[in-house]
Amino acid sequence: MDWLVEDRPSLPVNPENVHFIKTPTEFYETIIARIRTAKKRIILASLYLGTSELESKLIEELKNALETNPELELCVLLDYLRGTRGGSEKSSATMLQTLADRGRVFFYHTPDLRGMVKNMLPARMNEIIGLQHMKFYAFDDSVIISGANLSDSYFVNRQDRYVMIENNPDLVRFFTNVFEAVASSSFQLRSDGTLELHSECDFHPFEGDRRAYLTDISSKIKLIMDQLRETCGKLPKTDDTLLYPFLQFGPFGINDEVKMLSNLFSKNHPELELTVATGYFNPYDAYLDMILKKSNYSMKFLYAAPDANGFFNAEGLSGYVPAFLPRLGKSSFAGDFK
């Protein structure tokens, strides 16, 4: 599979340190357990934090961990638009407010929502413009890479993927660097509930020069990838498992995932078999074109049934999404796939 990863930097991983978390309940219990045993750092990057009982318990566990261990560092990164939905009454921001004095809590705001559009679009609708969508959870030298948010449905009955990689300081250092790059261009939560632009952010995300803001973050991320490449070049490849970090920051011109998937979906390889698992079937037009016109190998697609979709029975336009996606899949592959 060298043709797929090409010359990407790779980190050696002991396969015995790779664990697949199987259920939402196990995901939540693992996070709680790791909070309790963390000694150096806790880094939580997610779209948002929910506001129900399980999330409140998670906040209490974080408070206890910080009180018990003065040396423990807590860092949280969420999306500004999703994380402040609900306003001053109840939101991710209000949930985390009590941690702002002891930990660092950041909210990333897309640079694409600005001016008249920002003033006109209501909450929730404005999230279609752009979001912070990373989901990784680091505890000391271990990290959980997931698609799950820190919300009760993801802790109870919303199945997602969760891979925990333990005892890999180089990998956690990479995630920490990515976190800091985005956080330094975000808003920081204060204990009074206000959000202030990070002191190191030279360009306001929605009031300043958009191009300058994009260039600034892009340069930070590219530097991190250069550092990773240098680190990987010095590491002995003694393990038989390698991890290849890919980043997708479309607005900043960083499209590792797009390049990799384009290479995969356009491959002429009759012996290849591929299974694609995704929560929603709403393919990028270029991907669908490659799949239908360039690839010539067996593919299977697995995505959520309508009643397993997070928007099932939702109010407004969102409620139509679950029924629409299967129809989209059928129409996309009509005559080409079964």
C-alpha atoms as a PDB file:
ATOM      1  CA  MET A   1       0.000   0.000   0.000  1.00  0.00           C
ATOM      2  CA  ASP A   2       3.000   2.311  -0.386  1.00  0.00           C
ATOM      3  CA  TRP A   3       1.258   3.861  -3.391  1.00  0.00           C
ATOM      4  CA  LEU A   4      -1.458   5.154  -1.049  1.00  0.00           C
ATOM      5  CA  VAL A   5       0.692   6.854   1.596  1.00  0.00           C
ATOM      6  CA  GLU A   6       3.474   7.810  -0.838  1.00  0.00           C
ATOM      7  CA  ASP A   7       6.220   9.667   1.058  1.00  0.00           C
ATOM      8  CA  ARG A   8       4.143  10.608   4.106  1.00  0.00           C
ATOM      9  CA  PRO A   9       5.954  10.631   7.472  1.00  0.00           C
ATOM     10  CA  SER A  10       5.051   7.686   9.692  1.00  0.00           C
ATOM     11  CA  LEU A  11       5.288   6.966  13.398  1.00  0.00           C
ATOM     12  CA  PRO A  12       6.059   3.440  14.630  1.00  0.00           C
ATOM     13  CA  VAL A  13       3.361   2.026  16.904  1.00  0.00           C
ATOM     14  CA  ASN A  14       3.465  -1.054  19.074  1.00  0.00           C
ATOM     15  CA  PRO A  15       0.355  -2.983  17.932  1.00  0.00           C
ATOM     16  CA  GLU A  16      -0.245  -4.118  21.509  1.00  0.00           C
ATOM     17  CA  ASN A  17      -0.819  -0.455  22.393  1.00  0.00           C
ATOM     18  CA  VAL A  18      -3.620  -0.025  19.849  1.00  0.00           C
ATOM     19  CA  HIS A  19      -7.103  -0.671  21.223  1.00  0.00           C
ATOM     20  CA  PHE A  20     -10.502  -0.374  19.581  1.00  0.00           C
ATOM     21  CA  ILE A  21     -13.197   0.931  21.891  1.00  0.00           C
ATOM     22  CA  LYS A  22     -16.400  -0.837  20.926  1.00  0.00           C
ATOM     23  CA  THR A  23     -19.400   0.987  22.387  1.00  0.00           C
ATOM     24  CA  PRO A  24     -20.519   4.513  23.353  1.00  0.00           C
ATOM     25  CA  THR A  25     -20.689   3.458  26.995  1.00  0.00           C
ATOM     26  CA  GLU A  26     -17.139   2.123  26.897  1.00  0.00           C
ATOM     27  CA  PHE A  27     -16.045   5.365  25.213  1.00  0.00           C
ATOM     28  CA  TYR A  28     -17.479   7.434  28.068  1.00  0.00           C
ATOM     29  CA  GLU A  29     -16.145   5.124  30.766  1.00  0.00           C
ATOM     30  CA  THR A  30     -12.684   5.207  29.188  1.00  0.00           C
ATOM     31  CA  ILE A  31     -12.641   9.007  29.160  1.00  0.00           C
ATOM     32  CA  ILE A  32     -13.688   9.145  32.829  1.00  0.00           C
ATOM     33  CA  ALA A  33     -11.081   6.551  33.792  1.00  0.00           C
ATOM     34  CA  ARG A  34      -8.336   8.375  31.904  1.00  0.00           C
ATOM     35  CA  ILE A  35      -9.255  11.702  33.514  1.00  0.00           C
ATOM     36  CA  ARG A  36      -8.874  10.084  36.931  1.00  0.00           C
ATOM     37  CA  THR A  37      -5.434   8.632  36.167  1.00  0.00           C
ATOM     38  CA  ALA A  38      -3.928  11.501  34.128  1.00  0.00           C
ATOM     39  CA  LYS A  39      -0.727  12.894  35.648  1.00  0.00           C
ATOM     40  CA  LYS A  40       0.585  15.448  33.126  1.00  0.00           C
ATOM     41  CA  ARG A  41      -2.008  16.522  30.605  1.00  0.00           C
ATOM     42  CA  ILE A  42      -5.575  16.230  29.413  1.00  0.00           C
ATOM     43  CA  ILE A  43      -6.342  17.556  25.928  1.00  0.00           C
ATOM     44  CA  LEU A  44      -9.909  17.448  24.625  1.00  0.00           C
ATOM     45  CA  ALA A  45     -10.641  18.530  21.047  1.00  0.00           C
ATOM     46  CA  SER A  46     -14.244  18.175  19.913  1.00  0.00           C
ATOM     47  CA  LEU A  47     -17.002  19.910  17.996  1.00  0.00           C
ATOM     48  CA  TYR A  48     -18.873  20.614  21.221  1.00  0.00           C
ATOM     49  CA  LEU A  49     -19.590  19.518  24.775  1.00  0.00           C
ATOM     50  CA  GLY A  50     -23.168  18.602  25.612  1.00  0.00           C
ATOM     51  CA  THR A  51     -25.190  20.019  28.490  1.00  0.00           C
ATOM     52  CA  SER A  52     -26.819  16.965  30.070  1.00  0.00           C
ATOM     53  CA  GLU A  53     -26.132  14.900  33.177  1.00  0.00           C
ATOM     54  CA  LEU A  54     -23.298  12.791  31.773  1.00  0.00           C
ATOM     55  CA  GLU A  55     -21.432  15.871  30.562  1.00  0.00           C
ATOM     56  CA  SER A  56     -21.910  17.504  33.981  1.00  0.00           C
ATOM     57  CA  LYS A  57     -20.345  14.433  35.573  1.00  0.00           C
ATOM     58  CA  LEU A  58     -17.430  14.696  33.135  1.00  0.00           C
ATOM     59  CA  ILE A  59     -16.917  18.336  34.173  1.00  0.00           C
ATOM     60  CA  GLU A  60     -16.923  17.328  37.845  1.00  0.00           C
ATOM     61  CA  GLU A  61     -14.318  14.647  37.129  1.00  0.00           C
ATOM     62  CA  LEU A  62     -12.125  17.275  35.457  1.00  0.00           C
ATOM     63  CA  LYS A  63     -12.511  19.593  38.461  1.00  0.00           C
ATOM     64  CA  ASN A  64     -11.565  16.811  40.862  1.00  0.00           C
ATOM     65  CA  ALA A  65      -8.540  15.867  38.772  1.00  0.00           C
ATOM     66  CA  LEU A  66      -7.304  19.467  38.695  1.00  0.00           C
ATOM     67  CA  GLU A  67      -7.826  19.915  42.442  1.00  0.00           C
ATOM     68  CA  THR A  68      -6.064  16.655  43.234  1.00  0.00           C
ATOM     69  CA  ASN A  69      -3.091  17.280  40.948  1.00  0.00           C
ATOM     70  CA  PRO A  70      -1.815  20.895  40.748  1.00  0.00           C
ATOM     71  CA  GLU A  71       0.644  19.872  38.016  1.00  0.00           C
ATOM     72  CA  LEU A  72      -2.065  18.593  35.675  1.00  0.00           C
ATOM     73  CA  GLU A  73      -2.644  20.657  32.529  1.00  0.00           C
ATOM     74  CA  LEU A  74      -6.135  20.825  31.004  1.00  0.00           C
ATOM     75  CA  CYS A  75      -6.698  22.073  27.452  1.00  0.00           C
ATOM     76  CA  VAL A  76     -10.033  22.085  25.615  1.00  0.00           C
ATOM     77  CA  LEU A  77     -10.802  23.098  22.022  1.00  0.00           C
ATOM     78  CA  LEU A  78     -14.358  23.354  20.680  1.00  0.00           C
ATOM     79  CA  ASP A  79     -16.120  25.075  17.836  1.00  0.00           C
ATOM     80  CA  TYR A  80     -17.246  28.645  18.555  1.00  0.00           C
ATOM     81  CA  LEU A  81     -20.592  28.467  16.754  1.00  0.00           C
ATOM     82  CA  ARG A  82     -21.658  25.054  18.045  1.00  0.00           C
ATOM     83  CA  GLY A  83     -20.079  25.598  21.449  1.00  0.00           C
ATOM     84  CA  THR A  84     -21.957  28.828  22.144  1.00  0.00           C
ATOM     85  CA  ARG A  85     -25.311  27.649  20.768  1.00  0.00           C
ATOM     86  CA  GLY A  86     -27.784  28.195  23.581  1.00  0.00           C
ATOM     87  CA  GLY A  87     -26.230  31.489  24.619  1.00  0.00           C
ATOM     88  CA  SER A  88     -25.712  32.437  28.243  1.00  0.00           C
ATOM     89  CA  GLU A  89     -28.411  30.051  29.492  1.00  0.00           C
ATOM     90  CA  LYS A  90     -26.821  26.683  28.717  1.00  0.00           C
ATOM     91  CA  SER A  91     -24.097  25.872  26.210  1.00  0.00           C
ATOM     92  CA  SER A  92     -20.688  24.245  25.998  1.00  0.00           C
ATOM     93  CA  ALA A  93     -19.208  27.577  27.087  1.00  0.00           C
ATOM     94  CA  THR A  94     -21.365  27.866  30.208  1.00  0.00           C
ATOM     95  CA  MET A  95     -20.613  24.237  31.103  1.00  0.00           C
ATOM     96  CA  LEU A  96     -16.856  24.877  30.941  1.00  0.00           C
ATOM     97  CA  GLN A  97     -16.889  28.322  32.540  1.00  0.00           C
ATOM     98  CA  THR A  98     -15.981  27.009  35.984  1.00  0.00           C
ATOM     99  CA  LEU A  99     -12.831  25.388  34.537  1.00  0.00           C
ATOM    100  CA  ALA A 100     -11.550  28.519  32.804  1.00  0.00           C
ATOM    101  CA  ASP A 101      -9.415  29.692  35.742  1.00  0.00           C
ATOM    102  CA  ARG A 102      -7.575  26.395  36.085  1.00  0.00           C
ATOM    103  CA  GLY A 103      -7.594  25.108  32.505  1.00  0.00           C
ATOM    104  CA  ARG A 104      -7.345  26.608  29.034  1.00  0.00           C
ATOM    105  CA  VAL A 105     -10.560  26.459  27.029  1.00  0.00           C
ATOM    106  CA  PHE A 106     -10.665  27.640  23.405  1.00  0.00           C
ATOM    107  CA  PHE A 107     -13.346  28.160  20.773  1.00  0.00           C
ATOM    108  CA  TYR A 108     -12.375  28.232  17.095  1.00  0.00           C
ATOM    109  CA  HIS A 109     -14.414  30.546  14.843  1.00  0.00           C
ATOM    110  CA  THR A 110     -14.419  29.956  11.094  1.00  0.00           C
ATOM    111  CA  PRO A 111     -13.033  32.895   9.092  1.00  0.00           C
ATOM    112  CA  ASP A 112     -15.678  32.280   6.424  1.00  0.00           C
ATOM    113  CA  LEU A 113     -18.601  33.517   8.542  1.00  0.00           C
ATOM    114  CA  ARG A 114     -18.290  37.289   8.589  1.00  0.00           C
ATOM    115  CA  GLY A 115     -19.946  40.565   7.691  1.00  0.00           C
ATOM    116  CA  MET A 116     -23.568  40.619   6.617  1.00  0.00           C
ATOM    117  CA  VAL A 117     -23.844  36.824   6.439  1.00  0.00           C
ATOM    118  CA  LYS A 118     -22.757  36.492  10.080  1.00  0.00           C
ATOM    119  CA  ASN A 119     -25.345  39.060  11.143  1.00  0.00           C
ATOM    120  CA  MET A 120     -28.153  37.456   9.157  1.00  0.00           C
ATOM    121  CA  LEU A 121     -27.738  33.723   9.766  1.00  0.00           C
ATOM    122  CA  PRO A 122     -29.322  32.459  13.007  1.00  0.00           C
ATOM    123  CA  ALA A 123     -27.716  29.996  15.389  1.00  0.00           C
ATOM    124  CA  ARG A 124     -27.452  26.453  14.013  1.00  0.00           C
ATOM    125  CA  MET A 125     -27.922  27.655  10.431  1.00  0.00           C
ATOM    126  CA  ASN A 126     -24.633  29.558  10.674  1.00  0.00           C
ATOM    127  CA  GLU A 127     -22.805  26.293  11.351  1.00  0.00           C
ATOM    128  CA  ILE A 128     -23.126  25.251   7.708  1.00  0.00           C
ATOM    129  CA  ILE A 129     -20.481  27.858   6.845  1.00  0.00           C
ATOM    130  CA  GLY A 130     -17.674  26.092   8.671  1.00  0.00           C
ATOM    131  CA  LEU A 131     -16.744  24.266  11.882  1.00  0.00           C
ATOM    132  CA  GLN A 132     -13.885  22.985  14.022  1.00  0.00           C
ATOM    133  CA  HIS A 133     -14.437  19.256  13.610  1.00  0.00           C
ATOM    134  CA  MET A 134     -11.400  17.550  15.143  1.00  0.00           C
ATOM    135  CA  LYS A 135     -12.173  14.884  17.728  1.00  0.00           C
ATOM    136  CA  PHE A 136      -9.205  13.610  19.700  1.00  0.00           C
ATOM    137  CA  TYR A 137      -8.753  13.117  23.416  1.00  0.00           C
ATOM    138  CA  ALA A 138      -5.238  12.880  24.864  1.00  0.00           C
ATOM    139  CA  PHE A 139      -4.310  11.776  28.364  1.00  0.00           C
ATOM    140  CA  ASP A 140      -0.602  11.943  29.189  1.00  0.00           C
ATOM    141  CA  ASP A 141       1.089   9.908  26.404  1.00  0.00           C
ATOM    142  CA  SER A 142      -2.053   8.180  25.126  1.00  0.00           C
ATOM    143  CA  VAL A 143      -4.725   9.447  22.747  1.00  0.00           C
ATOM    144  CA  ILE A 144      -8.205   8.453  21.604  1.00  0.00           C
ATOM    145  CA  ILE A 145      -8.890   9.310  17.958  1.00  0.00           C
ATOM    146  CA  SER A 146     -12.604   9.367  17.269  1.00  0.00           C
ATOM    147  CA  GLY A 147     -15.516  10.826  15.377  1.00  0.00           C
ATOM    148  CA  ALA A 148     -17.546  11.151  18.576  1.00  0.00           C
ATOM    149  CA  ASN A 149     -18.308  14.414  20.309  1.00  0.00           C
ATOM    150  CA  LEU A 150     -18.432  14.932  24.064  1.00  0.00           C
ATOM    151  CA  SER A 151     -22.202  14.621  24.208  1.00  0.00           C
ATOM    152  CA  ASP A 152     -24.629  12.257  25.915  1.00  0.00           C
ATOM    153  CA  SER A 153     -25.898  10.634  22.715  1.00  0.00           C
ATOM    154  CA  TYR A 154     -22.296   9.688  21.876  1.00  0.00           C
ATOM    155  CA  PHE A 155     -21.959   8.281  25.405  1.00  0.00           C
ATOM    156  CA  VAL A 156     -25.168   6.244  25.302  1.00  0.00           C
ATOM    157  CA  ASN A 157     -26.482   5.057  21.930  1.00  0.00           C
ATOM    158  CA  ARG A 158     -24.754   6.852  19.060  1.00  0.00           C
ATOM    159  CA  GLN A 159     -22.184   4.405  17.728  1.00  0.00           C
ATOM    160  CA  ASP A 160     -18.959   5.833  16.338  1.00  0.00           C
ATOM    161  CA  ARG A 161     -15.368   4.742  15.828  1.00  0.00           C
ATOM    162  CA  TYR A 162     -12.836   5.072  18.619  1.00  0.00           C
ATOM    163  CA  VAL A 163      -9.185   4.041  18.439  1.00  0.00           C
ATOM    164  CA  MET A 164      -6.981   4.410  21.500  1.00  0.00           C
ATOM    165  CA  ILE A 165      -3.218   4.444  21.046  1.00  0.00           C
ATOM    166  CA  GLU A 166      -1.318   4.183  24.302  1.00  0.00           C
ATOM    167  CA  ASN A 167       2.210   5.096  25.362  1.00  0.00           C
ATOM    168  CA  ASN A 168       3.192   7.012  22.236  1.00  0.00           C
ATOM    169  CA  PRO A 169       4.653  10.401  23.261  1.00  0.00           C
ATOM    170  CA  ASP A 170       5.631  11.326  19.696  1.00  0.00           C
ATOM    171  CA  LEU A 171       2.056  10.910  18.477  1.00  0.00           C
ATOM    172  CA  VAL A 172       0.634  12.885  21.409  1.00  0.00           C
ATOM    173  CA  ARG A 173       3.221  15.596  20.807  1.00  0.00           C
ATOM    174  CA  PHE A 174       1.985  15.873  17.219  1.00  0.00           C
ATOM    175  CA  PHE A 175      -1.639  16.195  18.350  1.00  0.00           C
ATOM    176  CA  THR A 176      -0.608  18.711  21.011  1.00  0.00           C
ATOM    177  CA  ASN A 177       1.149  20.841  18.410  1.00  0.00           C
ATOM    178  CA  VAL A 178      -1.908  20.784  16.141  1.00  0.00           C
ATOM    179  CA  PHE A 179      -4.088  21.722  19.100  1.00  0.00           C
ATOM    180  CA  GLU A 180      -1.871  24.665  20.020  1.00  0.00           C
ATOM    181  CA  ALA A 181      -1.725  25.917  16.430  1.00  0.00           C
ATOM    182  CA  VAL A 182      -5.513  26.117  16.196  1.00  0.00           C
ATOM    183  CA  ALA A 183      -5.989  27.295  19.786  1.00  0.00           C
ATOM    184  CA  SER A 184      -3.564  30.189  19.295  1.00  0.00           C
ATOM    185  CA  SER A 185      -5.864  31.482  16.550  1.00  0.00           C
ATOM    186  CA  SER A 186      -9.055  31.000  18.566  1.00  0.00           C
ATOM    187  CA  PHE A 187     -11.021  32.632  21.370  1.00  0.00           C
ATOM    188  CA  GLN A 188     -10.213  31.758  24.986  1.00  0.00           C
ATOM    189  CA  LEU A 189     -12.948  31.350  27.572  1.00  0.00           C
ATOM    190  CA  ARG A 190     -12.647  33.452  30.737  1.00  0.00           C
ATOM    191  CA  SER A 191     -14.131  32.650  34.134  1.00  0.00           C
ATOM    192  CA  ASP A 192     -16.734  35.411  33.708  1.00  0.00           C
ATOM    193  CA  GLY A 193     -18.023  33.699  30.563  1.00  0.00           C
ATOM    194  CA  THR A 194     -16.516  36.112  28.061  1.00  0.00           C
ATOM    195  CA  LEU A 195     -14.534  34.953  25.039  1.00  0.00           C
ATOM    196  CA  GLU A 196     -11.339  36.832  24.226  1.00  0.00           C
ATOM    197  CA  LEU A 197      -9.174  36.395  21.161  1.00  0.00           C
ATOM    198  CA  HIS A 198      -5.911  34.626  21.977  1.00  0.00           C
ATOM    199  CA  SER A 199      -3.104  37.095  22.656  1.00  0.00           C
ATOM    200  CA  GLU A 200      -0.931  35.448  19.984  1.00  0.00           C
ATOM    201  CA  CYS A 201      -3.582  35.771  17.260  1.00  0.00           C
ATOM    202  CA  ASP A 202      -2.542  38.691  15.046  1.00  0.00           C
ATOM    203  CA  PHE A 203      -5.556  38.529  12.734  1.00  0.00           C
ATOM    204  CA  HIS A 204      -9.162  38.519  13.896  1.00  0.00           C
ATOM    205  CA  PRO A 205     -10.958  35.510  12.349  1.00  0.00           C
ATOM    206  CA  PHE A 206     -14.104  37.341  11.209  1.00  0.00           C
ATOM    207  CA  GLU A 207     -13.283  41.057  11.562  1.00  0.00           C
ATOM    208  CA  GLY A 208      -9.721  41.089  10.272  1.00  0.00           C
ATOM    209  CA  ASP A 209      -7.971  40.181   7.025  1.00  0.00           C
ATOM    210  CA  ARG A 210      -9.298  36.748   6.072  1.00  0.00           C
ATOM    211  CA  ARG A 211      -6.407  35.840   3.794  1.00  0.00           C
ATOM    212  CA  ALA A 212      -3.839  36.838   6.416  1.00  0.00           C
ATOM    213  CA  TYR A 213      -5.642  34.736   9.025  1.00  0.00           C
ATOM    214  CA  LEU A 214      -5.686  31.694   6.737  1.00  0.00           C
ATOM    215  CA  THR A 215      -2.030  32.126   5.815  1.00  0.00           C
ATOM    216  CA  ASP A 216      -1.050  32.408   9.472  1.00  0.00           C
ATOM    217  CA  ILE A 217      -2.671  29.116  10.510  1.00  0.00           C
ATOM    218  CA  SER A 218      -1.525  27.382   7.337  1.00  0.00           C
ATOM    219  CA  SER A 219       2.097  28.282   8.068  1.00  0.00           C
ATOM    220  CA  LYS A 220       1.765  26.932  11.620  1.00  0.00           C
ATOM    221  CA  ILE A 221       0.321  23.619  10.448  1.00  0.00           C
ATOM    222  CA  LYS A 222       2.911  23.192   7.705  1.00  0.00           C
ATOM    223  CA  LEU A 223       5.664  23.799  10.255  1.00  0.00           C
ATOM    224  CA  ILE A 224       4.190  21.064  12.444  1.00  0.00           C
ATOM    225  CA  MET A 225       4.214  18.641   9.516  1.00  0.00           C
ATOM    226  CA  ASP A 226       7.840  19.544   8.782  1.00  0.00           C
ATOM    227  CA  GLN A 227       8.717  18.873  12.423  1.00  0.00           C
ATOM    228  CA  LEU A 228       6.883  15.554  12.271  1.00  0.00           C
ATOM    229  CA  ARG A 229       8.787  14.545   9.171  1.00  0.00           C
ATOM    230  CA  GLU A 230      12.055  15.376  10.925  1.00  0.00           C
ATOM    231  CA  THR A 231      11.028  13.410  14.015  1.00  0.00           C
ATOM    232  CA  CYS A 232       9.945  10.386  11.991  1.00  0.00           C
ATOM    233  CA  GLY A 233      13.225  10.385  10.112  1.00  0.00           C
ATOM    234  CA  LYS A 234      15.106   9.872  13.367  1.00  0.00           C
ATOM    235  CA  LEU A 235      12.917   7.114  14.799  1.00  0.00           C
ATOM    236  CA  PRO A 236      13.932   3.464  14.321  1.00  0.00           C
ATOM    237  CA  LYS A 237      11.221   1.521  12.502  1.00  0.00           C
ATOM    238  CA  THR A 238      11.361  -1.405  14.915  1.00  0.00           C
ATOM    239  CA  ASP A 239       7.602  -1.979  15.159  1.00  0.00           C
ATOM    240  CA  ASP A 240       5.646  -3.716  12.418  1.00  0.00           C
ATOM    241  CA  THR A 241       2.826  -1.147  12.645  1.00  0.00           C
ATOM    242  CA  LEU A 242       3.135   2.378  11.272  1.00  0.00           C
ATOM    243  CA  LEU A 243       0.771   5.292  11.770  1.00  0.00           C
ATOM    244  CA  TYR A 244       0.521   7.947   9.048  1.00  0.00           C
ATOM    245  CA  PRO A 245      -0.956  11.255  10.289  1.00  0.00           C
ATOM    246  CA  PHE A 246      -3.168  13.015   7.744  1.00  0.00           C
ATOM    247  CA  LEU A 247      -4.653  16.473   8.247  1.00  0.00           C
ATOM    248  CA  GLN A 248      -7.589  18.069   6.465  1.00  0.00           C
ATOM    249  CA  PHE A 249      -7.782  21.862   6.822  1.00  0.00           C
ATOM    250  CA  GLY A 250      -9.516  22.804   3.583  1.00  0.00           C
ATOM    251  CA  PRO A 251      -9.857  26.560   4.226  1.00  0.00           C
ATOM    252  CA  PHE A 252      -6.109  26.736   4.879  1.00  0.00           C
ATOM    253  CA  GLY A 253      -5.088  24.908   1.722  1.00  0.00           C
ATOM    254  CA  ILE A 254      -4.050  21.755   3.605  1.00  0.00           C
ATOM    255  CA  ASN A 255      -5.738  18.781   1.949  1.00  0.00           C
ATOM    256  CA  ASP A 256      -3.878  15.634   2.999  1.00  0.00           C
ATOM    257  CA  GLU A 257      -7.083  13.625   3.226  1.00  0.00           C
ATOM    258  CA  VAL A 258      -8.401  14.797  -0.141  1.00  0.00           C
ATOM    259  CA  LYS A 259      -5.135  13.839  -1.835  1.00  0.00           C
ATOM    260  CA  MET A 260      -5.041  10.421  -0.179  1.00  0.00           C
ATOM    261  CA  LEU A 261      -8.690   9.582  -0.904  1.00  0.00           C
ATOM    262  CA  SER A 262      -8.420  10.867  -4.465  1.00  0.00           C
ATOM    263  CA  ASN A 263      -5.479   8.537  -4.948  1.00  0.00           C
ATOM    264  CA  LEU A 264      -7.506   5.674  -3.485  1.00  0.00           C
ATOM    265  CA  PHE A 265     -10.790   6.273  -5.322  1.00  0.00           C
ATOM    266  CA  SER A 266      -9.134   6.686  -8.716  1.00  0.00           C
ATOM    267  CA  LYS A 267      -6.901   3.613  -8.423  1.00  0.00           C
ATOM    268  CA  ASN A 268      -6.883   1.062 -11.240  1.00  0.00           C
ATOM    269  CA  HIS A 269      -6.420  -2.064  -9.138  1.00  0.00           C
ATOM    270  CA  PRO A 270      -8.875  -4.928  -9.917  1.00  0.00           C
ATOM    271  CA  GLU A 271      -7.642  -7.064  -7.010  1.00  0.00           C
ATOM    272  CA  LEU A 272      -8.273  -4.377  -4.410  1.00  0.00           C
ATOM    273  CA  GLU A 273     -11.292  -4.615  -2.077  1.00  0.00           C
ATOM    274  CA  LEU A 274     -12.448  -1.584  -0.122  1.00  0.00           C
ATOM    275  CA  THR A 275     -15.056  -1.046   2.592  1.00  0.00           C
ATOM    276  CA  VAL A 276     -16.089   2.542   3.323  1.00  0.00           C
ATOM    277  CA  ALA A 277     -17.888   3.195   6.622  1.00  0.00           C
ATOM    278  CA  THR A 278     -19.370   6.647   7.140  1.00  0.00           C
ATOM    279  CA  GLY A 279     -22.093   8.153   9.282  1.00  0.00           C
ATOM    280  CA  TYR A 280     -23.623   9.961   6.317  1.00  0.00           C
ATOM    281  CA  PHE A 281     -23.532   9.205   2.611  1.00  0.00           C
ATOM    282  CA  ASN A 282     -23.074  12.621   1.057  1.00  0.00           C
ATOM    283  CA  PRO A 283     -19.941  12.229  -1.105  1.00  0.00           C
ATOM    284  CA  TYR A 284     -17.788  15.015  -2.394  1.00  0.00           C
ATOM    285  CA  ASP A 285     -18.642  15.305  -6.117  1.00  0.00           C
ATOM    286  CA  ALA A 286     -15.041  14.726  -7.175  1.00  0.00           C
ATOM    287  CA  TYR A 287     -14.885  11.490  -5.127  1.00  0.00           C
ATOM    288  CA  LEU A 288     -18.083  10.154  -6.645  1.00  0.00           C
ATOM    289  CA  ASP A 289     -16.830  10.945 -10.123  1.00  0.00           C
ATOM    290  CA  MET A 290     -13.591   9.030  -9.454  1.00  0.00           C
ATOM    291  CA  ILE A 291     -15.441   6.051  -7.988  1.00  0.00           C
ATOM    292  CA  LEU A 292     -17.810   5.779 -10.926  1.00  0.00           C
ATOM    293  CA  LYS A 293     -15.407   6.567 -13.759  1.00  0.00           C
ATOM    294  CA  LYS A 294     -11.860   5.657 -12.698  1.00  0.00           C
ATOM    295  CA  SER A 295     -11.771   2.927 -10.071  1.00  0.00           C
ATOM    296  CA  ASN A 296     -12.245  -0.688 -11.131  1.00  0.00           C
ATOM    297  CA  TYR A 297     -12.214  -2.615  -7.870  1.00  0.00           C
ATOM    298  CA  SER A 298     -14.803  -3.901  -5.406  1.00  0.00           C
ATOM    299  CA  MET A 299     -16.259  -1.371  -2.947  1.00  0.00           C
ATOM    300  CA  LYS A 300     -18.730  -1.729  -0.102  1.00  0.00           C
ATOM    301  CA  PHE A 301     -20.417   1.216   1.593  1.00  0.00           C
ATOM    302  CA  LEU A 302     -21.791   1.167   5.125  1.00  0.00           C
ATOM    303  CA  TYR A 303     -23.703   4.132   6.497  1.00  0.00           C
ATOM    304  CA  ALA A 304     -26.378   4.787   9.096  1.00  0.00           C
ATOM    305  CA  ALA A 305     -29.949   3.636   8.595  1.00  0.00           C
ATOM    306  CA  PRO A 306     -32.476   6.494   8.752  1.00  0.00           C
ATOM    307  CA  ASP A 307     -33.581   5.681  12.311  1.00  0.00           C
ATOM    308  CA  ALA A 308     -29.942   5.519  13.455  1.00  0.00           C
ATOM    309  CA  ASN A 309     -29.213   8.985  12.093  1.00  0.00           C
ATOM    310  CA  GLY A 310     -28.699  11.770  14.610  1.00  0.00           C
ATOM    311  CA  PHE A 311     -31.283  13.902  12.798  1.00  0.00           C
ATOM    312  CA  PHE A 312     -34.014  11.235  12.940  1.00  0.00           C
ATOM    313  CA  ASN A 313     -37.296  12.884  14.023  1.00  0.00           C
ATOM    314  CA  ALA A 314     -35.533  16.249  14.351  1.00  0.00           C
ATOM    315  CA  GLU A 315     -37.519  19.440  13.926  1.00  0.00           C
ATOM    316  CA  GLY A 316     -37.366  21.579  10.794  1.00  0.00           C
ATOM    317  CA  LEU A 317     -35.292  20.811   7.710  1.00  0.00           C
ATOM    318  CA  SER A 318     -32.925  18.566   9.682  1.00  0.00           C
ATOM    319  CA  GLY A 319     -35.708  16.008  10.047  1.00  0.00           C
ATOM    320  CA  TYR A 320     -35.653  15.333   6.300  1.00  0.00           C
ATOM    321  CA  VAL A 321     -31.948  14.439   6.237  1.00  0.00           C
ATOM    322  CA  PRO A 322     -32.212  10.755   7.354  1.00  0.00           C
ATOM    323  CA  ALA A 323     -34.630   9.832   4.552  1.00  0.00           C
ATOM    324  CA  PHE A 324     -32.724  11.850   1.971  1.00  0.00           C
ATOM    325  CA  LEU A 325     -29.320  10.195   2.417  1.00  0.00           C
ATOM    326  CA  PRO A 326     -30.315   6.609   1.421  1.00  0.00           C
ATOM    327  CA  ARG A 327     -32.063   7.996  -1.643  1.00  0.00           C
ATOM    328  CA  LEU A 328     -28.921   9.893  -2.510  1.00  0.00           C
ATOM    329  CA  GLY A 329     -26.922   6.680  -2.242  1.00  0.00           C
ATOM    330  CA  LYS A 330     -29.276   4.770  -4.505  1.00  0.00           C
ATOM    331  CA  SER A 331     -29.391   7.509  -7.120  1.00  0.00           C
ATOM    332  CA  SER A 332     -25.613   7.948  -7.062  1.00  0.00           C
ATOM    333  CA  PHE A 333     -24.913   4.293  -7.764  1.00  0.00           C
ATOM    334  CA  ALA A 334     -27.931   3.456  -9.905  1.00  0.00           C
ATOM    335  CA  GLY A 335     -26.817   1.181 -12.706  1.00  0.00           C
ATOM    336  CA  ASP A 336     -23.241   1.031 -11.429  1.00  0.00           C
ATOM    337  CA  PHE A 337     -23.372  -0.546  -7.976  1.00  0.00           C
ATOM    338  CA  LYS A 338     -25.594  -2.801  -5.939  1.00  0.00           C
END
